[in-house]
Amino acid sequence: TGINNGGRITAVNFVTTGNYNPSEIINFKLYYTSSSSFSSPTLLATINSPAVAGIQTFPSFNKAFGNGTVYLWITMDLASSVTDNTNIAVNSTDASNMTATPTPTGTGAASNTQTIRKVPDAIGTITGSAIVCQGVSGTSYSVGAIPNATSYVWAYSGAGATINGTTNSVIIDFNGS
């Protein structure tokens, strides 16, 4: 929140922790919004090829923040292939993580940990019955069209159950020529 007729933010840093592989993170991006919703964000800065866990500093930028409340959002883009089940946490940020004139007031959101999951490999052409994904409950997966298939039957083994020797899996059976 800006004070004394607002001012400008020119730098932001934050701290990451976790067992993630920094080479699998393409970038961190810093966005700005004027509401607490991440709708119509404005990109302020990007950290390309971030370093290992620790302090991450966005390159310098210049954003007026006025007397109102502004919201800063940190996102990341991941490589198409990642190490499954690693995690990254971003510590809570506040005015001390910013360079601004005058110093803004306010607090940041609590820290948050995210688990990085590998997307299942593409199926390609298969015949008969095949496991198409095996993962965490609540995770959504998409399967492309199977060439020449005329019907599909999906089965979910459920927590702890086994289908074709695989636990907690989704199986697709199909018919076609």
N, C-alpha and C. Protein backbone atom coordinates (compact mmCIF):
# COMPACT_ATOMS: atom_id res chain seq x y z
N THR A 1 0.84 -1.18 0.00
CA THR A 1 0.00 0.00 0.00
C THR A 1 0.88 1.23 0.00
N GLY A 2 0.63 2.13 -0.93
CA GLY A 2 1.42 3.35 -1.03
C GLY A 2 1.04 4.37 0.03
N ILE A 3 1.97 5.20 0.41
CA ILE A 3 1.74 6.27 1.38
C ILE A 3 2.35 7.56 0.84
N ASN A 4 1.94 8.69 1.41
CA ASN A 4 2.50 9.99 1.03
C ASN A 4 2.47 10.19 -0.49
N ASN A 5 1.29 10.06 -1.07
CA ASN A 5 1.11 10.21 -2.51
C ASN A 5 1.79 9.12 -3.34
N GLY A 6 2.02 7.99 -2.72
CA GLY A 6 2.55 6.84 -3.45
C GLY A 6 4.01 6.99 -3.83
N GLY A 7 4.42 6.21 -4.76
CA GLY A 7 5.81 6.23 -5.17
C GLY A 7 6.06 5.20 -6.25
N ARG A 8 7.28 4.67 -6.27
CA ARG A 8 7.69 3.73 -7.30
C ARG A 8 8.40 2.54 -6.67
N ILE A 9 8.11 1.35 -7.21
CA ILE A 9 8.84 0.14 -6.85
C ILE A 9 9.85 -0.08 -7.97
N THR A 10 11.11 -0.35 -7.59
CA THR A 10 12.14 -0.54 -8.61
C THR A 10 12.86 -1.88 -8.50
N ALA A 11 12.61 -2.64 -7.42
CA ALA A 11 13.26 -3.95 -7.28
C ALA A 11 12.47 -4.81 -6.30
N VAL A 12 12.50 -6.11 -6.52
CA VAL A 12 11.87 -7.09 -5.62
C VAL A 12 12.76 -8.32 -5.58
N ASN A 13 12.92 -8.87 -4.38
CA ASN A 13 13.60 -10.15 -4.23
C ASN A 13 12.74 -11.07 -3.37
N PHE A 14 13.04 -12.35 -3.42
CA PHE A 14 12.32 -13.33 -2.61
C PHE A 14 13.25 -14.51 -2.37
N VAL A 15 12.89 -15.36 -1.42
CA VAL A 15 13.73 -16.49 -1.05
C VAL A 15 13.00 -17.79 -1.37
N THR A 16 13.72 -18.70 -2.08
CA THR A 16 13.18 -20.02 -2.35
C THR A 16 13.91 -21.06 -1.51
N THR A 17 13.21 -22.13 -1.18
CA THR A 17 13.80 -23.29 -0.52
C THR A 17 13.22 -24.52 -1.20
N GLY A 18 13.75 -25.66 -0.89
CA GLY A 18 13.22 -26.91 -1.44
C GLY A 18 14.30 -27.72 -2.13
N ASN A 19 13.89 -28.88 -2.63
CA ASN A 19 14.84 -29.77 -3.29
C ASN A 19 14.68 -29.75 -4.81
N TYR A 20 14.14 -28.67 -5.35
CA TYR A 20 13.94 -28.55 -6.79
C TYR A 20 15.27 -28.42 -7.52
N ASN A 21 15.26 -28.74 -8.81
CA ASN A 21 16.43 -28.61 -9.66
C ASN A 21 16.32 -27.28 -10.41
N PRO A 22 17.18 -26.29 -10.14
CA PRO A 22 17.03 -24.98 -10.76
C PRO A 22 17.11 -25.02 -12.29
N SER A 23 17.77 -26.01 -12.86
CA SER A 23 17.85 -26.08 -14.32
C SER A 23 16.50 -26.45 -14.93
N GLU A 24 15.55 -26.95 -14.14
CA GLU A 24 14.23 -27.29 -14.63
C GLU A 24 13.25 -26.11 -14.56
N ILE A 25 13.69 -25.00 -13.97
CA ILE A 25 12.87 -23.79 -13.92
C ILE A 25 13.35 -22.87 -15.03
N ILE A 26 12.47 -22.58 -15.96
CA ILE A 26 12.82 -21.72 -17.09
C ILE A 26 12.96 -20.28 -16.62
N ASN A 27 12.00 -19.83 -15.79
CA ASN A 27 12.05 -18.46 -15.29
C ASN A 27 11.08 -18.26 -14.14
N PHE A 28 11.31 -17.19 -13.41
CA PHE A 28 10.34 -16.64 -12.46
C PHE A 28 9.85 -15.34 -13.07
N LYS A 29 8.58 -15.06 -12.92
CA LYS A 29 8.02 -13.80 -13.44
C LYS A 29 7.34 -13.06 -12.30
N LEU A 30 7.47 -11.74 -12.33
CA LEU A 30 6.84 -10.86 -11.35
C LEU A 30 5.75 -10.07 -12.06
N TYR A 31 4.52 -10.21 -11.57
CA TYR A 31 3.37 -9.51 -12.14
C TYR A 31 2.79 -8.55 -11.11
N TYR A 32 2.04 -7.58 -11.61
CA TYR A 32 1.37 -6.57 -10.80
C TYR A 32 -0.11 -6.58 -11.15
N THR A 33 -0.98 -6.48 -10.14
CA THR A 33 -2.41 -6.24 -10.37
C THR A 33 -2.89 -5.19 -9.37
N SER A 34 -4.02 -4.59 -9.67
CA SER A 34 -4.60 -3.60 -8.75
C SER A 34 -5.71 -4.22 -7.90
N SER A 35 -5.94 -5.53 -8.07
CA SER A 35 -6.93 -6.22 -7.23
C SER A 35 -6.30 -7.52 -6.72
N SER A 36 -6.96 -8.14 -5.76
CA SER A 36 -6.44 -9.37 -5.17
C SER A 36 -6.71 -10.59 -6.05
N SER A 37 -7.17 -10.36 -7.26
CA SER A 37 -7.41 -11.43 -8.23
C SER A 37 -6.34 -11.36 -9.30
N PHE A 38 -5.86 -12.52 -9.74
CA PHE A 38 -4.83 -12.56 -10.77
C PHE A 38 -5.47 -12.47 -12.15
N SER A 39 -6.26 -11.42 -12.35
CA SER A 39 -6.88 -11.20 -13.66
C SER A 39 -6.26 -9.93 -14.25
N SER A 40 -5.97 -9.97 -15.52
CA SER A 40 -5.33 -8.87 -16.25
C SER A 40 -4.03 -8.41 -15.59
N PRO A 41 -3.11 -9.34 -15.31
CA PRO A 41 -1.84 -8.94 -14.69
C PRO A 41 -0.93 -8.22 -15.68
N THR A 42 -0.04 -7.39 -15.15
CA THR A 42 0.97 -6.71 -15.94
C THR A 42 2.33 -7.26 -15.56
N LEU A 43 3.09 -7.76 -16.53
CA LEU A 43 4.42 -8.29 -16.27
C LEU A 43 5.38 -7.15 -15.95
N LEU A 44 6.09 -7.26 -14.82
CA LEU A 44 7.06 -6.25 -14.41
C LEU A 44 8.49 -6.66 -14.69
N ALA A 45 8.83 -7.93 -14.42
CA ALA A 45 10.22 -8.38 -14.57
C ALA A 45 10.27 -9.90 -14.64
N THR A 46 11.38 -10.41 -15.20
CA THR A 46 11.57 -11.85 -15.35
C THR A 46 12.98 -12.22 -14.92
N ILE A 47 13.10 -13.30 -14.16
CA ILE A 47 14.41 -13.89 -13.85
C ILE A 47 14.54 -15.11 -14.75
N ASN A 48 15.41 -15.02 -15.75
CA ASN A 48 15.65 -16.16 -16.63
C ASN A 48 16.74 -17.05 -16.03
N SER A 49 16.58 -18.35 -16.16
CA SER A 49 17.55 -19.33 -15.65
C SER A 49 17.91 -19.04 -14.19
N PRO A 50 16.94 -19.19 -13.26
CA PRO A 50 17.18 -18.87 -11.85
C PRO A 50 18.30 -19.70 -11.24
N ALA A 51 18.85 -19.18 -10.17
CA ALA A 51 19.93 -19.85 -9.44
C ALA A 51 19.36 -20.91 -8.50
N VAL A 52 20.25 -21.56 -7.77
CA VAL A 52 19.85 -22.55 -6.78
C VAL A 52 18.98 -21.90 -5.71
N ALA A 53 18.37 -22.72 -4.87
CA ALA A 53 17.52 -22.21 -3.80
C ALA A 53 18.26 -21.13 -3.01
N GLY A 54 17.53 -20.10 -2.63
CA GLY A 54 18.10 -18.97 -1.91
C GLY A 54 17.46 -17.68 -2.39
N ILE A 55 18.18 -16.59 -2.27
CA ILE A 55 17.65 -15.29 -2.67
C ILE A 55 17.58 -15.20 -4.19
N GLN A 56 16.42 -14.83 -4.70
CA GLN A 56 16.19 -14.61 -6.13
C GLN A 56 15.87 -13.12 -6.28
N THR A 57 16.55 -12.42 -7.16
CA THR A 57 16.36 -10.98 -7.33
C THR A 57 15.93 -10.67 -8.76
N PHE A 58 14.77 -10.03 -8.89
CA PHE A 58 14.31 -9.62 -10.21
C PHE A 58 15.16 -8.47 -10.71
N PRO A 59 15.41 -8.43 -12.04
CA PRO A 59 16.12 -7.28 -12.59
C PRO A 59 15.34 -5.99 -12.33
N SER A 60 16.03 -4.91 -12.33
CA SER A 60 15.43 -3.62 -12.02
C SER A 60 14.30 -3.27 -13.00
N PHE A 61 13.27 -2.64 -12.47
CA PHE A 61 12.11 -2.17 -13.24
C PHE A 61 11.63 -0.91 -12.55
N ASN A 62 10.57 -0.28 -13.05
CA ASN A 62 10.09 0.96 -12.47
C ASN A 62 8.57 0.99 -12.57
N LYS A 63 7.88 0.80 -11.44
CA LYS A 63 6.42 0.74 -11.43
C LYS A 63 5.86 1.71 -10.38
N ALA A 64 5.04 2.66 -10.83
CA ALA A 64 4.35 3.57 -9.90
C ALA A 64 3.28 2.78 -9.16
N PHE A 65 3.14 3.04 -7.84
CA PHE A 65 2.11 2.33 -7.10
C PHE A 65 1.11 3.24 -6.42
N GLY A 66 1.26 4.52 -6.49
CA GLY A 66 0.25 5.45 -5.98
C GLY A 66 -0.08 5.25 -4.51
N ASN A 67 -1.25 5.76 -4.11
CA ASN A 67 -1.69 5.64 -2.71
C ASN A 67 -2.48 4.37 -2.46
N GLY A 68 -2.91 3.68 -3.49
CA GLY A 68 -3.74 2.50 -3.32
C GLY A 68 -2.93 1.26 -3.02
N THR A 69 -3.65 0.17 -2.85
CA THR A 69 -3.01 -1.13 -2.62
C THR A 69 -2.74 -1.79 -3.96
N VAL A 70 -1.55 -2.33 -4.12
CA VAL A 70 -1.19 -3.09 -5.31
C VAL A 70 -0.82 -4.50 -4.87
N TYR A 71 -0.91 -5.42 -5.80
CA TYR A 71 -0.61 -6.81 -5.52
C TYR A 71 0.49 -7.28 -6.46
N LEU A 72 1.50 -7.93 -5.90
CA LEU A 72 2.60 -8.47 -6.69
C LEU A 72 2.48 -10.00 -6.66
N TRP A 73 2.66 -10.62 -7.81
CA TRP A 73 2.51 -12.07 -7.98
C TRP A 73 3.79 -12.64 -8.55
N ILE A 74 4.27 -13.74 -7.99
CA ILE A 74 5.44 -14.42 -8.53
C ILE A 74 4.96 -15.75 -9.11
N THR A 75 5.31 -15.98 -10.38
CA THR A 75 4.97 -17.25 -11.05
C THR A 75 6.26 -17.87 -11.57
N MET A 76 6.18 -19.11 -12.03
CA MET A 76 7.34 -19.73 -12.65
C MET A 76 6.90 -20.59 -13.82
N ASP A 77 7.77 -20.69 -14.81
CA ASP A 77 7.58 -21.58 -15.94
C ASP A 77 8.56 -22.73 -15.78
N LEU A 78 8.07 -23.96 -15.99
CA LEU A 78 8.91 -25.14 -15.83
C LEU A 78 9.28 -25.72 -17.19
N ALA A 79 10.38 -26.45 -17.22
CA ALA A 79 10.80 -27.17 -18.41
C ALA A 79 9.77 -28.26 -18.71
N SER A 80 9.77 -28.75 -19.95
CA SER A 80 8.79 -29.77 -20.33
C SER A 80 9.07 -31.10 -19.65
N SER A 81 10.27 -31.32 -19.18
CA SER A 81 10.60 -32.54 -18.44
C SER A 81 11.22 -32.14 -17.12
N VAL A 82 10.66 -32.64 -16.03
CA VAL A 82 11.15 -32.30 -14.70
C VAL A 82 11.33 -33.57 -13.87
N THR A 83 12.07 -33.45 -12.80
CA THR A 83 12.22 -34.54 -11.86
C THR A 83 10.94 -34.62 -11.05
N ASP A 84 10.30 -35.78 -11.04
CA ASP A 84 9.02 -35.94 -10.37
C ASP A 84 9.14 -35.83 -8.85
N ASN A 85 8.17 -35.18 -8.26
CA ASN A 85 7.97 -35.14 -6.81
C ASN A 85 9.02 -34.32 -6.07
N THR A 86 9.59 -33.30 -6.73
CA THR A 86 10.44 -32.36 -6.01
C THR A 86 9.56 -31.22 -5.51
N ASN A 87 10.10 -30.34 -4.69
CA ASN A 87 9.26 -29.25 -4.21
C ASN A 87 10.04 -27.94 -4.19
N ILE A 88 9.25 -26.86 -4.20
CA ILE A 88 9.79 -25.51 -4.12
C ILE A 88 8.89 -24.72 -3.18
N ALA A 89 9.50 -23.94 -2.33
CA ALA A 89 8.75 -23.06 -1.44
C ALA A 89 9.26 -21.64 -1.62
N VAL A 90 8.35 -20.69 -1.55
CA VAL A 90 8.70 -19.28 -1.58
C VAL A 90 8.32 -18.70 -0.24
N ASN A 91 9.32 -18.14 0.45
CA ASN A 91 9.05 -17.53 1.76
C ASN A 91 8.16 -16.31 1.61
N SER A 92 7.44 -15.98 2.66
CA SER A 92 6.59 -14.80 2.66
C SER A 92 7.43 -13.56 2.35
N THR A 93 6.87 -12.68 1.54
CA THR A 93 7.57 -11.44 1.19
C THR A 93 6.78 -10.26 1.75
N ASP A 94 7.47 -9.16 1.99
CA ASP A 94 6.82 -7.93 2.46
C ASP A 94 7.63 -6.73 1.97
N ALA A 95 7.38 -5.58 2.52
CA ALA A 95 8.03 -4.35 2.06
C ALA A 95 9.55 -4.43 2.16
N SER A 96 10.08 -5.24 3.08
CA SER A 96 11.54 -5.36 3.20
C SER A 96 12.17 -6.06 2.01
N ASN A 97 11.36 -6.75 1.19
CA ASN A 97 11.87 -7.42 -0.01
C ASN A 97 11.79 -6.52 -1.24
N MET A 98 11.46 -5.24 -1.04
CA MET A 98 11.30 -4.32 -2.17
C MET A 98 12.22 -3.12 -2.01
N THR A 99 12.60 -2.58 -3.16
CA THR A 99 13.23 -1.27 -3.18
C THR A 99 12.17 -0.34 -3.75
N ALA A 100 11.76 0.62 -2.94
CA ALA A 100 10.69 1.53 -3.35
C ALA A 100 10.88 2.87 -2.68
N THR A 101 10.37 3.90 -3.33
CA THR A 101 10.43 5.24 -2.77
C THR A 101 9.04 5.86 -2.86
N PRO A 102 8.44 6.31 -1.75
CA PRO A 102 8.84 5.98 -0.39
C PRO A 102 8.57 4.51 -0.10
N THR A 103 9.04 4.03 1.04
CA THR A 103 8.85 2.63 1.41
C THR A 103 7.36 2.35 1.58
N PRO A 104 6.84 1.34 0.87
CA PRO A 104 5.42 0.99 1.02
C PRO A 104 5.17 0.28 2.34
N THR A 105 3.91 0.20 2.72
CA THR A 105 3.52 -0.56 3.91
C THR A 105 2.78 -1.80 3.44
N GLY A 106 2.55 -2.72 4.34
CA GLY A 106 1.77 -3.90 3.99
C GLY A 106 2.53 -5.17 4.28
N THR A 107 1.84 -6.28 4.09
CA THR A 107 2.42 -7.59 4.36
C THR A 107 2.25 -8.47 3.14
N GLY A 108 3.02 -9.52 3.10
CA GLY A 108 2.93 -10.49 2.02
C GLY A 108 2.13 -11.70 2.47
N ALA A 109 1.79 -12.50 1.50
CA ALA A 109 1.09 -13.74 1.79
C ALA A 109 2.05 -14.69 2.50
N ALA A 110 1.48 -15.65 3.21
CA ALA A 110 2.29 -16.65 3.89
C ALA A 110 3.07 -17.45 2.85
N SER A 111 4.16 -18.06 3.31
CA SER A 111 4.94 -18.88 2.39
C SER A 111 4.09 -20.05 1.89
N ASN A 112 4.52 -20.62 0.79
CA ASN A 112 3.74 -21.68 0.18
C ASN A 112 4.69 -22.68 -0.46
N THR A 113 4.41 -23.97 -0.31
CA THR A 113 5.21 -25.02 -0.93
C THR A 113 4.41 -25.69 -2.04
N GLN A 114 5.04 -25.86 -3.19
CA GLN A 114 4.42 -26.54 -4.32
C GLN A 114 5.23 -27.78 -4.67
N THR A 115 4.53 -28.88 -4.97
CA THR A 115 5.19 -30.09 -5.42
C THR A 115 5.22 -30.09 -6.94
N ILE A 116 6.39 -30.32 -7.49
CA ILE A 116 6.56 -30.36 -8.94
C ILE A 116 6.38 -31.79 -9.39
N ARG A 117 5.43 -31.99 -10.31
CA ARG A 117 5.11 -33.34 -10.78
C ARG A 117 5.44 -33.49 -12.25
N LYS A 118 5.91 -34.65 -12.62
CA LYS A 118 6.20 -34.98 -14.01
C LYS A 118 4.91 -35.34 -14.72
N VAL A 119 4.74 -34.83 -15.95
CA VAL A 119 3.59 -35.18 -16.77
C VAL A 119 3.87 -36.56 -17.36
N PRO A 120 2.88 -37.45 -17.37
CA PRO A 120 3.12 -38.77 -17.94
C PRO A 120 3.55 -38.68 -19.40
N ASP A 121 4.36 -39.64 -19.82
CA ASP A 121 4.81 -39.68 -21.21
C ASP A 121 3.63 -39.90 -22.14
N ALA A 122 3.74 -39.41 -23.36
CA ALA A 122 2.69 -39.62 -24.36
C ALA A 122 2.59 -41.10 -24.70
N ILE A 123 1.41 -41.53 -25.07
CA ILE A 123 1.18 -42.95 -25.34
C ILE A 123 1.66 -43.36 -26.72
N GLY A 124 1.31 -42.62 -27.74
CA GLY A 124 1.60 -43.03 -29.10
C GLY A 124 0.63 -44.12 -29.53
N THR A 125 1.05 -45.01 -30.40
CA THR A 125 0.19 -46.08 -30.88
C THR A 125 0.32 -47.29 -29.96
N ILE A 126 -0.80 -47.76 -29.45
CA ILE A 126 -0.80 -48.93 -28.57
C ILE A 126 -1.91 -49.87 -29.00
N THR A 127 -1.81 -51.07 -28.52
CA THR A 127 -2.86 -52.05 -28.80
C THR A 127 -3.26 -52.73 -27.51
N GLY A 128 -4.50 -53.18 -27.46
CA GLY A 128 -4.96 -53.93 -26.30
C GLY A 128 -5.24 -53.05 -25.11
N SER A 129 -4.55 -53.28 -24.02
CA SER A 129 -4.77 -52.57 -22.77
C SER A 129 -3.46 -51.95 -22.34
N ALA A 130 -3.50 -50.73 -21.82
CA ALA A 130 -2.26 -50.06 -21.42
C ALA A 130 -2.52 -49.12 -20.26
N ILE A 131 -1.50 -48.96 -19.43
CA ILE A 131 -1.56 -47.97 -18.35
C ILE A 131 -1.26 -46.62 -18.99
N VAL A 132 -2.13 -45.64 -18.80
CA VAL A 132 -1.90 -44.34 -19.41
C VAL A 132 -1.39 -43.31 -18.43
N CYS A 133 -1.63 -43.48 -17.17
CA CYS A 133 -1.03 -42.56 -16.20
C CYS A 133 -1.10 -43.18 -14.82
N GLN A 134 -0.18 -42.77 -14.02
CA GLN A 134 -0.15 -43.21 -12.64
C GLN A 134 0.35 -42.01 -11.86
N GLY A 135 -0.45 -41.51 -10.95
CA GLY A 135 -0.03 -40.29 -10.28
C GLY A 135 -0.77 -40.05 -8.99
N VAL A 136 -0.91 -38.80 -8.67
CA VAL A 136 -1.48 -38.37 -7.42
C VAL A 136 -2.98 -38.17 -7.57
N SER A 137 -3.73 -38.54 -6.56
CA SER A 137 -5.17 -38.33 -6.56
C SER A 137 -5.47 -36.85 -6.79
N GLY A 138 -6.46 -36.57 -7.63
CA GLY A 138 -6.83 -35.19 -7.90
C GLY A 138 -6.07 -34.57 -9.05
N THR A 139 -5.10 -35.30 -9.63
CA THR A 139 -4.35 -34.79 -10.76
C THR A 139 -5.08 -35.14 -12.04
N SER A 140 -5.19 -34.19 -12.96
CA SER A 140 -5.87 -34.42 -14.23
C SER A 140 -4.84 -34.74 -15.31
N TYR A 141 -5.17 -35.69 -16.17
CA TYR A 141 -4.32 -36.06 -17.28
C TYR A 141 -5.15 -36.07 -18.55
N SER A 142 -4.53 -35.79 -19.67
CA SER A 142 -5.21 -35.86 -20.96
C SER A 142 -4.50 -36.89 -21.82
N VAL A 143 -5.27 -37.62 -22.60
CA VAL A 143 -4.71 -38.61 -23.49
C VAL A 143 -5.16 -38.25 -24.89
N GLY A 144 -4.22 -38.19 -25.82
CA GLY A 144 -4.56 -37.91 -27.20
C GLY A 144 -5.31 -39.07 -27.85
N ALA A 145 -5.82 -38.83 -29.03
CA ALA A 145 -6.56 -39.86 -29.75
C ALA A 145 -5.66 -41.06 -30.03
N ILE A 146 -6.23 -42.26 -29.92
CA ILE A 146 -5.51 -43.48 -30.25
C ILE A 146 -5.92 -43.84 -31.67
N PRO A 147 -4.96 -43.91 -32.60
CA PRO A 147 -5.29 -44.16 -34.01
C PRO A 147 -6.13 -45.43 -34.19
N ASN A 148 -7.16 -45.32 -35.00
CA ASN A 148 -8.02 -46.44 -35.40
C ASN A 148 -8.85 -47.03 -34.27
N ALA A 149 -8.88 -46.43 -33.11
CA ALA A 149 -9.70 -46.98 -32.03
C ALA A 149 -11.16 -46.59 -32.28
N THR A 150 -12.07 -47.53 -32.04
CA THR A 150 -13.49 -47.26 -32.25
C THR A 150 -14.24 -47.13 -30.94
N SER A 151 -13.67 -47.60 -29.83
CA SER A 151 -14.30 -47.43 -28.52
C SER A 151 -13.23 -47.46 -27.44
N TYR A 152 -13.52 -46.83 -26.31
CA TYR A 152 -12.59 -46.75 -25.20
C TYR A 152 -13.31 -47.15 -23.92
N VAL A 153 -12.61 -47.81 -23.03
CA VAL A 153 -13.13 -48.10 -21.69
C VAL A 153 -12.04 -47.72 -20.70
N TRP A 154 -12.38 -46.79 -19.81
CA TRP A 154 -11.43 -46.35 -18.78
C TRP A 154 -11.71 -47.09 -17.49
N ALA A 155 -10.67 -47.39 -16.74
CA ALA A 155 -10.82 -48.02 -15.43
C ALA A 155 -9.84 -47.36 -14.47
N TYR A 156 -10.27 -47.14 -13.26
CA TYR A 156 -9.41 -46.57 -12.23
C TYR A 156 -9.31 -47.58 -11.11
N SER A 157 -8.09 -47.92 -10.73
CA SER A 157 -7.91 -48.97 -9.73
C SER A 157 -8.25 -48.50 -8.32
N GLY A 158 -8.23 -47.18 -8.07
CA GLY A 158 -8.55 -46.67 -6.73
C GLY A 158 -7.36 -46.76 -5.81
N ALA A 159 -7.42 -46.02 -4.71
CA ALA A 159 -6.31 -45.96 -3.76
C ALA A 159 -6.01 -47.36 -3.22
N GLY A 160 -4.79 -47.82 -3.45
CA GLY A 160 -4.34 -49.09 -2.92
C GLY A 160 -4.74 -50.30 -3.76
N ALA A 161 -5.64 -50.13 -4.74
CA ALA A 161 -6.08 -51.25 -5.57
C ALA A 161 -5.12 -51.44 -6.74
N THR A 162 -5.19 -52.60 -7.38
CA THR A 162 -4.28 -52.92 -8.46
C THR A 162 -5.04 -53.38 -9.69
N ILE A 163 -4.63 -52.87 -10.86
CA ILE A 163 -5.12 -53.36 -12.15
C ILE A 163 -3.89 -53.76 -12.96
N ASN A 164 -3.91 -54.93 -13.55
CA ASN A 164 -2.78 -55.42 -14.35
C ASN A 164 -1.44 -55.25 -13.63
N GLY A 165 -1.43 -55.46 -12.33
CA GLY A 165 -0.20 -55.41 -11.55
C GLY A 165 0.29 -54.02 -11.20
N THR A 166 -0.49 -52.97 -11.48
CA THR A 166 -0.07 -51.61 -11.17
C THR A 166 -1.04 -50.97 -10.18
N THR A 167 -0.50 -50.40 -9.11
CA THR A 167 -1.32 -49.81 -8.06
C THR A 167 -1.67 -48.36 -8.39
N ASN A 168 -2.90 -47.94 -8.00
CA ASN A 168 -3.36 -46.56 -8.17
C ASN A 168 -3.18 -46.07 -9.60
N SER A 169 -3.68 -46.81 -10.56
CA SER A 169 -3.44 -46.47 -11.96
C SER A 169 -4.74 -46.28 -12.72
N VAL A 170 -4.62 -45.66 -13.89
CA VAL A 170 -5.73 -45.53 -14.82
C VAL A 170 -5.37 -46.39 -16.03
N ILE A 171 -6.31 -47.22 -16.45
CA ILE A 171 -6.09 -48.13 -17.57
C ILE A 171 -7.08 -47.78 -18.67
N ILE A 172 -6.64 -47.87 -19.91
CA ILE A 172 -7.55 -47.70 -21.02
C ILE A 172 -7.54 -48.98 -21.86
N ASP A 173 -8.71 -49.53 -22.10
CA ASP A 173 -8.88 -50.66 -23.03
C ASP A 173 -9.59 -50.09 -24.25
N PHE A 174 -9.21 -50.54 -25.44
CA PHE A 174 -9.85 -50.01 -26.62
C PHE A 174 -10.01 -51.10 -27.67
N ASN A 175 -10.95 -50.85 -28.54
CA ASN A 175 -11.22 -51.74 -29.67
C ASN A 175 -11.03 -50.96 -30.95
N GLY A 176 -10.54 -51.59 -31.98
CA GLY A 176 -10.36 -50.93 -33.26
C GLY A 176 -9.54 -51.79 -34.18
N SER A 177 -9.30 -51.29 -35.37
CA SER A 177 -8.53 -52.08 -36.33
C SER A 177 -7.17 -51.45 -36.54
